[in-house]
Amino acid sequence: MRPRTEEVAEKGFSDHVLVCTNARDSEYACCAEAHGADVYDAVKSWLRERDVFWSRVHVAETSCLGLCSAEGTAVAIHPRSRWYSDVRPEDVPDLLEGEFGPDATELGVRRGDDARPDE
């Protein structure tokens, strides 16, 4: 094992967006069938347009985040501890603007006790 926390922080990394793209052969909903790949692509595009993709923000596809829905994909943003379900590709701009600001200038801003309540 090799600790790399300091190295990552020195490079300016501040946030991590996790997008569920889990597929399963089941009667239950899964994010792969609820536009998971399209949400993942929309997140990357929004961040690229603001020139912060893979510099300040890392994006990762994940397996199940435990917020399964046929209505959309599960997304988690850390270290903010923000969790979303039912995210569709068209929701991504509003979601990321709400978290990071319109120009992604609120990166690294912690949303702990001062977090706005869920609507």
PDB file of N, CA and C in Angstrom:
ATOM      1  N   MET A   1       0.849  -1.179   0.000  1.00  0.00           N
ATOM      2  CA  MET A   1       0.000   0.000   0.000  1.00  0.00           C
ATOM      3  C   MET A   1       0.887   1.233   0.000  1.00  0.00           C
ATOM      4  N   ARG A   2       0.446   2.239  -0.760  1.00  0.00           N
ATOM      5  CA  ARG A   2       1.220   3.471  -0.877  1.00  0.00           C
ATOM      6  C   ARG A   2       0.299   4.673  -0.664  1.00  0.00           C
ATOM      7  N   PRO A   3       0.405   5.354   0.452  1.00  0.00           N
ATOM      8  CA  PRO A   3      -0.420   6.550   0.687  1.00  0.00           C
ATOM      9  C   PRO A   3      -0.066   7.656  -0.307  1.00  0.00           C
ATOM     10  N   ARG A   4      -1.078   8.270  -0.907  1.00  0.00           N
ATOM     11  CA  ARG A   4      -0.809   9.322  -1.893  1.00  0.00           C
ATOM     12  C   ARG A   4      -1.684  10.550  -1.685  1.00  0.00           C
ATOM     13  N   THR A   5      -2.255  10.685  -0.503  1.00  0.00           N
ATOM     14  CA  THR A   5      -3.156  11.794  -0.217  1.00  0.00           C
ATOM     15  C   THR A   5      -2.486  13.141  -0.452  1.00  0.00           C
ATOM     16  N   GLU A   6      -1.303  13.337   0.076  1.00  0.00           N
ATOM     17  CA  GLU A   6      -0.610  14.615  -0.076  1.00  0.00           C
ATOM     18  C   GLU A   6      -0.312  14.921  -1.539  1.00  0.00           C
ATOM     19  N   GLU A   7       0.121  13.921  -2.290  1.00  0.00           N
ATOM     20  CA  GLU A   7       0.423  14.108  -3.710  1.00  0.00           C
ATOM     21  C   GLU A   7      -0.810  14.587  -4.484  1.00  0.00           C
ATOM     22  N   VAL A   8      -1.946  13.956  -4.219  1.00  0.00           N
ATOM     23  CA  VAL A   8      -3.185  14.327  -4.898  1.00  0.00           C
ATOM     24  C   VAL A   8      -3.581  15.750  -4.506  1.00  0.00           C
ATOM     25  N   ALA A   9      -3.493  16.085  -3.232  1.00  0.00           N
ATOM     26  CA  ALA A   9      -3.842  17.427  -2.766  1.00  0.00           C
ATOM     27  C   ALA A   9      -2.929  18.483  -3.359  1.00  0.00           C
ATOM     28  N   GLU A  10      -1.643  18.186  -3.488  1.00  0.00           N
ATOM     29  CA  GLU A  10      -0.693  19.138  -4.059  1.00  0.00           C
ATOM     30  C   GLU A  10      -1.003  19.449  -5.516  1.00  0.00           C
ATOM     31  N   LYS A  11      -1.610  18.509  -6.211  1.00  0.00           N
ATOM     32  CA  LYS A  11      -1.972  18.719  -7.609  1.00  0.00           C
ATOM     33  C   LYS A  11      -3.253  19.536  -7.751  1.00  0.00           C
ATOM     34  N   GLY A  12      -3.888  19.865  -6.635  1.00  0.00           N
ATOM     35  CA  GLY A  12      -5.068  20.718  -6.665  1.00  0.00           C
ATOM     36  C   GLY A  12      -6.395  19.991  -6.682  1.00  0.00           C
ATOM     37  N   PHE A  13      -6.380  18.673  -6.619  1.00  0.00           N
ATOM     38  CA  PHE A  13      -7.620  17.899  -6.599  1.00  0.00           C
ATOM     39  C   PHE A  13      -8.454  18.311  -5.397  1.00  0.00           C
ATOM     40  N   SER A  14      -9.747  18.529  -5.614  1.00  0.00           N
ATOM     41  CA  SER A  14     -10.590  18.938  -4.499  1.00  0.00           C
ATOM     42  C   SER A  14     -11.906  18.176  -4.406  1.00  0.00           C
ATOM     43  N   ASP A  15     -12.395  17.643  -5.503  1.00  0.00           N
ATOM     44  CA  ASP A  15     -13.709  17.007  -5.488  1.00  0.00           C
ATOM     45  C   ASP A  15     -13.710  15.745  -6.350  1.00  0.00           C
ATOM     46  N   HIS A  16     -14.638  14.860  -6.044  1.00  0.00           N
ATOM     47  CA  HIS A  16     -14.777  13.604  -6.756  1.00  0.00           C
ATOM     48  C   HIS A  16     -16.257  13.391  -7.038  1.00  0.00           C
ATOM     49  N   VAL A  17     -16.609  13.212  -8.308  1.00  0.00           N
ATOM     50  CA  VAL A  17     -17.987  12.934  -8.691  1.00  0.00           C
ATOM     51  C   VAL A  17     -18.073  11.461  -9.072  1.00  0.00           C
ATOM     52  N   LEU A  18     -18.914  10.725  -8.365  1.00  0.00           N
ATOM     53  CA  LEU A  18     -19.120   9.306  -8.629  1.00  0.00           C
ATOM     54  C   LEU A  18     -20.470   9.124  -9.312  1.00  0.00           C
ATOM     55  N   VAL A  19     -20.465   8.452 -10.457  1.00  0.00           N
ATOM     56  CA  VAL A  19     -21.689   8.231 -11.215  1.00  0.00           C
ATOM     57  C   VAL A  19     -21.902   6.727 -11.351  1.00  0.00           C
ATOM     58  N   CYS A  20     -23.020   6.248 -10.861  1.00  0.00           N
ATOM     59  CA  CYS A  20     -23.317   4.825 -10.958  1.00  0.00           C
ATOM     60  C   CYS A  20     -23.687   4.473 -12.393  1.00  0.00           C
ATOM     61  N   THR A  21     -23.029   3.455 -12.921  1.00  0.00           N
ATOM     62  CA  THR A  21     -23.370   2.909 -14.239  1.00  0.00           C
ATOM     63  C   THR A  21     -23.593   1.398 -14.113  1.00  0.00           C
ATOM     64  N   ASN A  22     -23.960   0.966 -12.923  1.00  0.00           N
ATOM     65  CA  ASN A  22     -24.113  -0.456 -12.627  1.00  0.00           C
ATOM     66  C   ASN A  22     -25.210  -1.099 -13.475  1.00  0.00           C
ATOM     67  N   ALA A  23     -24.882  -2.258 -14.036  1.00  0.00           N
ATOM     68  CA  ALA A  23     -25.855  -3.067 -14.777  1.00  0.00           C
ATOM     69  C   ALA A  23     -26.041  -4.379 -14.034  1.00  0.00           C
ATOM     70  N   ARG A  24     -27.248  -4.887 -14.066  1.00  0.00           N
ATOM     71  CA  ARG A  24     -27.485  -6.189 -13.464  1.00  0.00           C
ATOM     72  C   ARG A  24     -28.672  -6.842 -14.163  1.00  0.00           C
ATOM     73  N   ASP A  25     -28.631  -8.136 -14.188  1.00  0.00           N
ATOM     74  CA  ASP A  25     -29.712  -8.920 -14.762  1.00  0.00           C
ATOM     75  C   ASP A  25     -30.684  -9.238 -13.635  1.00  0.00           C
ATOM     76  N   SER A  26     -31.688  -8.389 -13.508  1.00  0.00           N
ATOM     77  CA  SER A  26     -32.592  -8.503 -12.376  1.00  0.00           C
ATOM     78  C   SER A  26     -33.908  -7.820 -12.710  1.00  0.00           C
ATOM     79  N   GLU A  27     -34.895  -8.085 -11.917  1.00  0.00           N
ATOM     80  CA  GLU A  27     -36.176  -7.400 -12.074  1.00  0.00           C
ATOM     81  C   GLU A  27     -36.139  -5.994 -11.479  1.00  0.00           C
ATOM     82  N   TYR A  28     -35.092  -5.687 -10.732  1.00  0.00           N
ATOM     83  CA  TYR A  28     -34.991  -4.397 -10.063  1.00  0.00           C
ATOM     84  C   TYR A  28     -34.282  -3.376 -10.941  1.00  0.00           C
ATOM     85  N   ALA A  29     -34.564  -2.121 -10.697  1.00  0.00           N
ATOM     86  CA  ALA A  29     -33.971  -1.029 -11.470  1.00  0.00           C
ATOM     87  C   ALA A  29     -32.461  -0.985 -11.273  1.00  0.00           C
ATOM     88  N   CYS A  30     -31.766  -0.515 -12.300  1.00  0.00           N
ATOM     89  CA  CYS A  30     -30.325  -0.292 -12.186  1.00  0.00           C
ATOM     90  C   CYS A  30     -29.963   0.949 -12.993  1.00  0.00           C
ATOM     91  N   CYS A  31     -28.877   1.578 -12.611  1.00  0.00           N
ATOM     92  CA  CYS A  31     -28.488   2.846 -13.225  1.00  0.00           C
ATOM     93  C   CYS A  31     -28.070   2.705 -14.685  1.00  0.00           C
ATOM     94  N   ALA A  32     -27.525   1.551 -15.067  1.00  0.00           N
ATOM     95  CA  ALA A  32     -27.150   1.360 -16.466  1.00  0.00           C
ATOM     96  C   ALA A  32     -28.363   1.515 -17.376  1.00  0.00           C
ATOM     97  N   GLU A  33     -29.501   1.043 -16.930  1.00  0.00           N
ATOM     98  CA  GLU A  33     -30.732   1.153 -17.718  1.00  0.00           C
ATOM     99  C   GLU A  33     -31.431   2.495 -17.518  1.00  0.00           C
ATOM    100  N   ALA A  34     -30.950   3.288 -16.573  1.00  0.00           N
ATOM    101  CA  ALA A  34     -31.559   4.584 -16.267  1.00  0.00           C
ATOM    102  C   ALA A  34     -30.624   5.717 -16.693  1.00  0.00           C
ATOM    103  N   HIS A  35     -29.972   5.538 -17.843  1.00  0.00           N
ATOM    104  CA  HIS A  35     -29.128   6.571 -18.458  1.00  0.00           C
ATOM    105  C   HIS A  35     -27.812   6.817 -17.736  1.00  0.00           C
ATOM    106  N   GLY A  36     -27.300   5.818 -17.023  1.00  0.00           N
ATOM    107  CA  GLY A  36     -26.043   5.980 -16.290  1.00  0.00           C
ATOM    108  C   GLY A  36     -24.891   6.449 -17.152  1.00  0.00           C
ATOM    109  N   ALA A  37     -24.684   5.825 -18.304  1.00  0.00           N
ATOM    110  CA  ALA A  37     -23.575   6.211 -19.188  1.00  0.00           C
ATOM    111  C   ALA A  37     -23.763   7.625 -19.724  1.00  0.00           C
ATOM    112  N   ASP A  38     -24.999   8.003 -20.018  1.00  0.00           N
ATOM    113  CA  ASP A  38     -25.272   9.354 -20.528  1.00  0.00           C
ATOM    114  C   ASP A  38     -25.050  10.411 -19.444  1.00  0.00           C
ATOM    115  N   VAL A  39     -25.412  10.086 -18.204  1.00  0.00           N
ATOM    116  CA  VAL A  39     -25.153  11.005 -17.095  1.00  0.00           C
ATOM    117  C   VAL A  39     -23.648  11.157 -16.896  1.00  0.00           C
ATOM    118  N   TYR A  40     -22.939  10.060 -16.930  1.00  0.00           N
ATOM    119  CA  TYR A  40     -21.470  10.087 -16.806  1.00  0.00           C
ATOM    120  C   TYR A  40     -20.859  10.982 -17.885  1.00  0.00           C
ATOM    121  N   ASP A  41     -21.288  10.816 -19.122  1.00  0.00           N
ATOM    122  CA  ASP A  41     -20.780  11.650 -20.223  1.00  0.00           C
ATOM    123  C   ASP A  41     -21.148  13.121 -20.023  1.00  0.00           C
ATOM    124  N   ALA A  42     -22.358  13.384 -19.541  1.00  0.00           N
ATOM    125  CA  ALA A  42     -22.788  14.770 -19.313  1.00  0.00           C
ATOM    126  C   ALA A  42     -21.953  15.433 -18.214  1.00  0.00           C
ATOM    127  N   VAL A  43     -21.617  14.689 -17.162  1.00  0.00           N
ATOM    128  CA  VAL A  43     -20.767  15.223 -16.089  1.00  0.00           C
ATOM    129  C   VAL A  43     -19.398  15.583 -16.660  1.00  0.00           C
ATOM    130  N   LYS A  44     -18.799  14.667 -17.406  1.00  0.00           N
ATOM    131  CA  LYS A  44     -17.483  14.940 -17.996  1.00  0.00           C
ATOM    132  C   LYS A  44     -17.527  16.148 -18.921  1.00  0.00           C
ATOM    133  N   SER A  45     -18.552  16.255 -19.738  1.00  0.00           N
ATOM    134  CA  SER A  45     -18.668  17.390 -20.671  1.00  0.00           C
ATOM    135  C   SER A  45     -18.778  18.715 -19.929  1.00  0.00           C
ATOM    136  N   TRP A  46     -19.630  18.756 -18.896  1.00  0.00           N
ATOM    137  CA  TRP A  46     -19.821  19.996 -18.130  1.00  0.00           C
ATOM    138  C   TRP A  46     -18.493  20.438 -17.518  1.00  0.00           C
ATOM    139  N   LEU A  47     -17.754  19.501 -16.949  1.00  0.00           N
ATOM    140  CA  LEU A  47     -16.470  19.828 -16.320  1.00  0.00           C
ATOM    141  C   LEU A  47     -15.420  20.216 -17.364  1.00  0.00           C
ATOM    142  N   ARG A  48     -15.406  19.541 -18.505  1.00  0.00           N
ATOM    143  CA  ARG A  48     -14.462  19.895 -19.578  1.00  0.00           C
ATOM    144  C   ARG A  48     -14.718  21.308 -20.091  1.00  0.00           C
ATOM    145  N   GLU A  49     -15.991  21.671 -20.249  1.00  0.00           N
ATOM    146  CA  GLU A  49     -16.346  23.008 -20.728  1.00  0.00           C
ATOM    147  C   GLU A  49     -15.823  24.098 -19.794  1.00  0.00           C
ATOM    148  N   ARG A  50     -15.595  23.761 -18.539  1.00  0.00           N
ATOM    149  CA  ARG A  50     -15.090  24.720 -17.544  1.00  0.00           C
ATOM    150  C   ARG A  50     -13.618  24.483 -17.232  1.00  0.00           C
ATOM    151  N   ASP A  51     -12.996  23.600 -17.992  1.00  0.00           N
ATOM    152  CA  ASP A  51     -11.565  23.306 -17.912  1.00  0.00           C
ATOM    153  C   ASP A  51     -11.117  22.850 -16.527  1.00  0.00           C
ATOM    154  N   VAL A  52     -11.956  22.033 -15.862  1.00  0.00           N
ATOM    155  CA  VAL A  52     -11.578  21.506 -14.555  1.00  0.00           C
ATOM    156  C   VAL A  52     -11.583  19.978 -14.512  1.00  0.00           C
ATOM    157  N   PHE A  53     -11.963  19.338 -15.602  1.00  0.00           N
ATOM    158  CA  PHE A  53     -12.000  17.881 -15.642  1.00  0.00           C
ATOM    159  C   PHE A  53     -10.592  17.327 -15.508  1.00  0.00           C
ATOM    160  N   TRP A  54     -10.406  16.416 -14.554  1.00  0.00           N
ATOM    161  CA  TRP A  54      -9.130  15.767 -14.244  1.00  0.00           C
ATOM    162  C   TRP A  54      -8.060  16.736 -13.775  1.00  0.00           C
ATOM    163  N   SER A  55      -8.428  17.937 -13.423  1.00  0.00           N
ATOM    164  CA  SER A  55      -7.461  18.817 -12.771  1.00  0.00           C
ATOM    165  C   SER A  55      -7.895  18.976 -11.323  1.00  0.00           C
ATOM    166  N   ARG A  56      -9.010  19.618 -11.111  1.00  0.00           N
ATOM    167  CA  ARG A  56      -9.529  19.809  -9.754  1.00  0.00           C
ATOM    168  C   ARG A  56     -10.582  18.772  -9.390  1.00  0.00           C
ATOM    169  N   VAL A  57     -11.275  18.229 -10.396  1.00  0.00           N
ATOM    170  CA  VAL A  57     -12.368  17.293 -10.154  1.00  0.00           C
ATOM    171  C   VAL A  57     -12.077  15.985 -10.873  1.00  0.00           C
ATOM    172  N   HIS A  58     -12.189  14.892 -10.146  1.00  0.00           N
ATOM    173  CA  HIS A  58     -12.079  13.577 -10.749  1.00  0.00           C
ATOM    174  C   HIS A  58     -13.490  12.995 -10.863  1.00  0.00           C
ATOM    175  N   VAL A  59     -13.728  12.266 -11.935  1.00  0.00           N
ATOM    176  CA  VAL A  59     -15.023  11.645 -12.166  1.00  0.00           C
ATOM    177  C   VAL A  59     -14.794  10.148 -12.314  1.00  0.00           C
ATOM    178  N   ALA A  60     -15.653   9.364 -11.692  1.00  0.00           N
ATOM    179  CA  ALA A  60     -15.505   7.910 -11.787  1.00  0.00           C
ATOM    180  C   ALA A  60     -16.861   7.243 -11.945  1.00  0.00           C
ATOM    181  N   GLU A  61     -16.882   6.228 -12.787  1.00  0.00           N
ATOM    182  CA  GLU A  61     -18.038   5.343 -12.868  1.00  0.00           C
ATOM    183  C   GLU A  61     -17.955   4.402 -11.675  1.00  0.00           C
ATOM    184  N   THR A  62     -19.087   4.106 -11.086  1.00  0.00           N
ATOM    185  CA  THR A  62     -19.094   3.188  -9.948  1.00  0.00           C
ATOM    186  C   THR A  62     -20.111   2.082 -10.169  1.00  0.00           C
ATOM    187  N   SER A  63     -19.994   1.086  -9.346  1.00  0.00           N
ATOM    188  CA  SER A  63     -21.060   0.088  -9.276  1.00  0.00           C
ATOM    189  C   SER A  63     -22.135   0.680  -8.367  1.00  0.00           C
ATOM    190  N   CYS A  64     -22.974  -0.125  -7.829  1.00  0.00           N
ATOM    191  CA  CYS A  64     -24.155   0.338  -7.113  1.00  0.00           C
ATOM    192  C   CYS A  64     -23.834   1.275  -5.948  1.00  0.00           C
ATOM    193  N   LEU A  65     -24.499   2.412  -5.933  1.00  0.00           N
ATOM    194  CA  LEU A  65     -24.399   3.362  -4.823  1.00  0.00           C
ATOM    195  C   LEU A  65     -25.570   3.204  -3.852  1.00  0.00           C
ATOM    196  N   GLY A  66     -26.457   2.265  -4.133  1.00  0.00           N
ATOM    197  CA  GLY A  66     -27.562   1.983  -3.229  1.00  0.00           C
ATOM    198  C   GLY A  66     -28.743   2.924  -3.338  1.00  0.00           C
ATOM    199  N   LEU A  67     -28.831   3.687  -4.420  1.00  0.00           N
ATOM    200  CA  LEU A  67     -29.946   4.611  -4.619  1.00  0.00           C
ATOM    201  C   LEU A  67     -30.664   4.281  -5.924  1.00  0.00           C
ATOM    202  N   CYS A  68     -30.870   3.017  -6.177  1.00  0.00           N
ATOM    203  CA  CYS A  68     -31.398   2.515  -7.442  1.00  0.00           C
ATOM    204  C   CYS A  68     -32.783   3.081  -7.750  1.00  0.00           C
ATOM    205  N   SER A  69     -32.977   3.409  -9.031  1.00  0.00           N
ATOM    206  CA  SER A  69     -34.258   3.926  -9.485  1.00  0.00           C
ATOM    207  C   SER A  69     -34.345   3.752 -10.993  1.00  0.00           C
ATOM    208  N   ALA A  70     -35.519   3.477 -11.475  1.00  0.00           N
ATOM    209  CA  ALA A  70     -35.730   3.406 -12.923  1.00  0.00           C
ATOM    210  C   ALA A  70     -35.824   4.796 -13.526  1.00  0.00           C
ATOM    211  N   GLU A  71     -35.947   5.815 -12.678  1.00  0.00           N
ATOM    212  CA  GLU A  71     -36.144   7.185 -13.139  1.00  0.00           C
ATOM    213  C   GLU A  71     -34.853   7.907 -13.491  1.00  0.00           C
ATOM    214  N   GLY A  72     -33.712   7.404 -13.043  1.00  0.00           N
ATOM    215  CA  GLY A  72     -32.441   8.060 -13.324  1.00  0.00           C
ATOM    216  C   GLY A  72     -31.321   7.428 -12.527  1.00  0.00           C
ATOM    217  N   THR A  73     -30.170   8.023 -12.645  1.00  0.00           N
ATOM    218  CA  THR A  73     -28.923   7.489 -12.115  1.00  0.00           C
ATOM    219  C   THR A  73     -28.602   8.065 -10.738  1.00  0.00           C
ATOM    220  N   ALA A  74     -27.809   7.317  -9.974  1.00  0.00           N
ATOM    221  CA  ALA A  74     -27.315   7.781  -8.681  1.00  0.00           C
ATOM    222  C   ALA A  74     -25.972   8.486  -8.878  1.00  0.00           C
ATOM    223  N   VAL A  75     -25.793   9.610  -8.182  1.00  0.00           N
ATOM    224  CA  VAL A  75     -24.559  10.401  -8.242  1.00  0.00           C
ATOM    225  C   VAL A  75     -24.185  10.794  -6.820  1.00  0.00           C
ATOM    226  N   ALA A  76     -22.904  10.696  -6.513  1.00  0.00           N
ATOM    227  CA  ALA A  76     -22.395  11.147  -5.215  1.00  0.00           C
ATOM    228  C   ALA A  76     -21.228  12.094  -5.457  1.00  0.00           C
ATOM    229  N   ILE A  77     -21.162  13.142  -4.657  1.00  0.00           N
ATOM    230  CA  ILE A  77     -20.072  14.118  -4.778  1.00  0.00           C
ATOM    231  C   ILE A  77     -19.363  14.184  -3.439  1.00  0.00           C
ATOM    232  N   HIS A  78     -18.072  13.895  -3.495  1.00  0.00           N
ATOM    233  CA  HIS A  78     -17.266  13.859  -2.275  1.00  0.00           C
ATOM    234  C   HIS A  78     -16.054  14.764  -2.409  1.00  0.00           C
ATOM    235  N   PRO A  79     -15.534  15.320  -1.350  1.00  0.00           N
ATOM    236  CA  PRO A  79     -15.817  15.008   0.045  1.00  0.00           C
ATOM    237  C   PRO A  79     -17.004  15.770   0.624  1.00  0.00           C
ATOM    238  N   ARG A  80     -17.848  16.298  -0.216  1.00  0.00           N
ATOM    239  CA  ARG A  80     -19.013  17.062   0.239  1.00  0.00           C
ATOM    240  C   ARG A  80     -20.091  16.196   0.870  1.00  0.00           C
ATOM    241  N   SER A  81     -20.045  14.897   0.632  1.00  0.00           N
ATOM    242  CA  SER A  81     -21.080  13.971   1.103  1.00  0.00           C
ATOM    243  C   SER A  81     -22.457  14.371   0.594  1.00  0.00           C
ATOM    244  N   ARG A  82     -22.529  14.653  -0.687  1.00  0.00           N
ATOM    245  CA  ARG A  82     -23.799  14.985  -1.340  1.00  0.00           C
ATOM    246  C   ARG A  82     -24.210  13.785  -2.185  1.00  0.00           C
ATOM    247  N   TRP A  83     -25.435  13.354  -2.058  1.00  0.00           N
ATOM    248  CA  TRP A  83     -25.946  12.168  -2.730  1.00  0.00           C
ATOM    249  C   TRP A  83     -27.212  12.530  -3.498  1.00  0.00           C
ATOM    250  N   TYR A  84     -27.328  12.032  -4.728  1.00  0.00           N
ATOM    251  CA  TYR A  84     -28.488  12.310  -5.570  1.00  0.00           C
ATOM    252  C   TYR A  84     -28.966  11.017  -6.212  1.00  0.00           C
ATOM    253  N   SER A  85     -30.254  10.924  -6.445  1.00  0.00           N
ATOM    254  CA  SER A  85     -30.809   9.817  -7.212  1.00  0.00           C
ATOM    255  C   SER A  85     -31.683  10.403  -8.309  1.00  0.00           C
ATOM    256  N   ASP A  86     -32.104   9.565  -9.207  1.00  0.00           N
ATOM    257  CA  ASP A  86     -33.008   9.961 -10.297  1.00  0.00           C
ATOM    258  C   ASP A  86     -32.397  11.039 -11.205  1.00  0.00           C
ATOM    259  N   VAL A  87     -31.074  11.066 -11.319  1.00  0.00           N
ATOM    260  CA  VAL A  87     -30.396  12.065 -12.147  1.00  0.00           C
ATOM    261  C   VAL A  87     -30.457  11.623 -13.608  1.00  0.00           C
ATOM    262  N   ARG A  88     -30.923  12.525 -14.432  1.00  0.00           N
ATOM    263  CA  ARG A  88     -30.971  12.289 -15.872  1.00  0.00           C
ATOM    264  C   ARG A  88     -29.955  13.223 -16.533  1.00  0.00           C
ATOM    265  N   PRO A  89     -29.541  12.923 -17.750  1.00  0.00           N
ATOM    266  CA  PRO A  89     -28.517  13.762 -18.399  1.00  0.00           C
ATOM    267  C   PRO A  89     -28.872  15.249 -18.404  1.00  0.00           C
ATOM    268  N   GLU A  90     -30.121  15.561 -18.613  1.00  0.00           N
ATOM    269  CA  GLU A  90     -30.529  16.971 -18.661  1.00  0.00           C
ATOM    270  C   GLU A  90     -30.478  17.644 -17.285  1.00  0.00           C
ATOM    271  N   ASP A  91     -30.378  16.873 -16.215  1.00  0.00           N
ATOM    272  CA  ASP A  91     -30.273  17.420 -14.865  1.00  0.00           C
ATOM    273  C   ASP A  91     -28.848  17.833 -14.497  1.00  0.00           C
ATOM    274  N   VAL A  92     -27.881  17.299 -15.219  1.00  0.00           N
ATOM    275  CA  VAL A  92     -26.477  17.472 -14.837  1.00  0.00           C
ATOM    276  C   VAL A  92     -26.042  18.933 -14.755  1.00  0.00           C
ATOM    277  N   PRO A  93     -26.354  19.799 -15.730  1.00  0.00           N
ATOM    278  CA  PRO A  93     -25.909  21.191 -15.597  1.00  0.00           C
ATOM    279  C   PRO A  93     -26.402  21.866 -14.319  1.00  0.00           C
ATOM    280  N   ASP A  94     -27.663  21.706 -13.988  1.00  0.00           N
ATOM    281  CA  ASP A  94     -28.197  22.321 -12.768  1.00  0.00           C
ATOM    282  C   ASP A  94     -27.572  21.711 -11.518  1.00  0.00           C
ATOM    283  N   LEU A  95     -27.398  20.397 -11.506  1.00  0.00           N
ATOM    284  CA  LEU A  95     -26.809  19.724 -10.360  1.00  0.00           C
ATOM    285  C   LEU A  95     -25.389  20.225 -10.113  1.00  0.00           C
ATOM    286  N   LEU A  96     -24.552  20.224 -11.154  1.00  0.00           N
ATOM    287  CA  LEU A  96     -23.158  20.630 -10.975  1.00  0.00           C
ATOM    288  C   LEU A  96     -23.017  22.127 -10.739  1.00  0.00           C
ATOM    289  N   GLU A  97     -23.870  22.923 -11.357  1.00  0.00           N
ATOM    290  CA  GLU A  97     -23.841  24.371 -11.087  1.00  0.00           C
ATOM    291  C   GLU A  97     -24.199  24.634  -9.626  1.00  0.00           C
ATOM    292  N   GLY A  98     -25.162  23.896  -9.107  1.00  0.00           N
ATOM    293  CA  GLY A  98     -25.552  24.047  -7.708  1.00  0.00           C
ATOM    294  C   GLY A  98     -24.441  23.643  -6.753  1.00  0.00           C
ATOM    295  N   GLU A  99     -23.652  22.664  -7.131  1.00  0.00           N
ATOM    296  CA  GLU A  99     -22.550  22.199  -6.282  1.00  0.00           C
ATOM    297  C   GLU A  99     -21.284  23.019  -6.447  1.00  0.00           C
ATOM    298  N   PHE A 100     -20.920  23.332  -7.678  1.00  0.00           N
ATOM    299  CA  PHE A 100     -19.612  23.929  -7.971  1.00  0.00           C
ATOM    300  C   PHE A 100     -19.667  25.378  -8.456  1.00  0.00           C
ATOM    301  N   GLY A 101     -20.876  25.936  -8.626  1.00  0.00           N
ATOM    302  CA  GLY A 101     -21.013  27.281  -9.165  1.00  0.00           C
ATOM    303  C   GLY A 101     -21.056  27.225 -10.680  1.00  0.00           C
ATOM    304  N   PRO A 102     -21.610  28.261 -11.327  1.00  0.00           N
ATOM    305  CA  PRO A 102     -21.790  28.240 -12.781  1.00  0.00           C
ATOM    306  C   PRO A 102     -20.492  28.059 -13.568  1.00  0.00           C
ATOM    307  N   ASP A 103     -19.405  28.586 -13.051  1.00  0.00           N
ATOM    308  CA  ASP A 103     -18.122  28.477 -13.736  1.00  0.00           C
ATOM    309  C   ASP A 103     -17.168  27.527 -13.019  1.00  0.00           C
ATOM    310  N   ALA A 104     -17.707  26.691 -12.154  1.00  0.00           N
ATOM    311  CA  ALA A 104     -16.923  25.734 -11.372  1.00  0.00           C
ATOM    312  C   ALA A 104     -15.855  26.437 -10.540  1.00  0.00           C
ATOM    313  N   THR A 105     -16.227  27.573  -9.971  1.00  0.00           N
ATOM    314  CA  THR A 105     -15.298  28.325  -9.128  1.00  0.00           C
ATOM    315  C   THR A 105     -15.455  28.006  -7.649  1.00  0.00           C
ATOM    316  N   GLU A 106     -16.418  27.161  -7.312  1.00  0.00           N
ATOM    317  CA  GLU A 106     -16.635  26.779  -5.908  1.00  0.00           C
ATOM    318  C   GLU A 106     -16.109  25.381  -5.633  1.00  0.00           C
ATOM    319  N   LEU A 107     -15.080  24.992  -6.323  1.00  0.00           N
ATOM    320  CA  LEU A 107     -14.461  23.690  -6.087  1.00  0.00           C
ATOM    321  C   LEU A 107     -13.724  23.725  -4.757  1.00  0.00           C
ATOM    322  N   GLY A 108     -13.751  22.602  -4.066  1.00  0.00           N
ATOM    323  CA  GLY A 108     -13.063  22.523  -2.786  1.00  0.00           C
ATOM    324  C   GLY A 108     -13.820  23.155  -1.644  1.00  0.00           C
ATOM    325  N   VAL A 109     -14.974  23.743  -1.926  1.00  0.00           N
ATOM    326  CA  VAL A 109     -15.795  24.347  -0.881  1.00  0.00           C
ATOM    327  C   VAL A 109     -16.550  23.233  -0.186  1.00  0.00           C
ATOM    328  N   ARG A 110     -16.329  23.074   1.078  1.00  0.00           N
ATOM    329  CA  ARG A 110     -16.989  22.018   1.832  1.00  0.00           C
ATOM    330  C   ARG A 110     -18.431  22.410   2.107  1.00  0.00           C
ATOM    331  N   ARG A 111     -19.296  21.442   2.041  1.00  0.00           N
ATOM    332  CA  ARG A 111     -20.714  21.674   2.255  1.00  0.00           C
ATOM    333  C   ARG A 111     -21.203  20.930   3.485  1.00  0.00           C
ATOM    334  N   GLY A 112     -20.472  20.981   4.573  1.00  0.00           N
ATOM    335  CA  GLY A 112     -20.838  20.252   5.790  1.00  0.00           C
ATOM    336  C   GLY A 112     -22.034  20.852   6.473  1.00  0.00           C
ATOM    337  N   ASP A 113     -21.829  21.453   7.624  1.00  0.00           N
ATOM    338  CA  ASP A 113     -22.922  22.012   8.415  1.00  0.00           C
ATOM    339  C   ASP A 113     -23.594  23.180   7.737  1.00  0.00           C
ATOM    340  N   ASP A 114     -22.871  23.856   6.814  1.00  0.00           N
ATOM    341  CA  ASP A 114     -23.451  25.012   6.153  1.00  0.00           C
ATOM    342  C   ASP A 114     -24.146  24.634   4.856  1.00  0.00           C
ATOM    343  N   ALA A 115     -24.337  23.338   4.617  1.00  0.00           N
ATOM    344  CA  ALA A 115     -24.969  22.876   3.374  1.00  0.00           C
ATOM    345  C   ALA A 115     -26.404  23.349   3.305  1.00  0.00           C
ATOM    346  N   ARG A 116     -26.807  23.654   2.096  1.00  0.00           N
ATOM    347  CA  ARG A 116     -28.203  24.045   1.901  1.00  0.00           C
ATOM    348  C   ARG A 116     -29.068  22.787   2.037  1.00  0.00           C
ATOM    349  N   PRO A 117     -30.248  22.901   2.554  1.00  0.00           N
ATOM    350  CA  PRO A 117     -31.100  21.716   2.712  1.00  0.00           C
ATOM    351  C   PRO A 117     -31.530  21.172   1.351  1.00  0.00           C
ATOM    352  N   ASP A 118     -31.793  19.894   1.302  1.00  0.00           N
ATOM    353  CA  ASP A 118     -32.288  19.294   0.064  1.00  0.00           C
ATOM    354  C   ASP A 118     -33.659  19.872  -0.222  1.00  0.00           C
ATOM    355  N   GLU A 119     -33.918  20.023  -1.489  1.00  0.00           N
ATOM    356  CA  GLU A 119     -35.225  20.567  -1.881  1.00  0.00           C
ATOM    357  C   GLU A 119     -36.165  19.459  -2.258  1.00  0.00           C
TER     358      GLU A 119
END
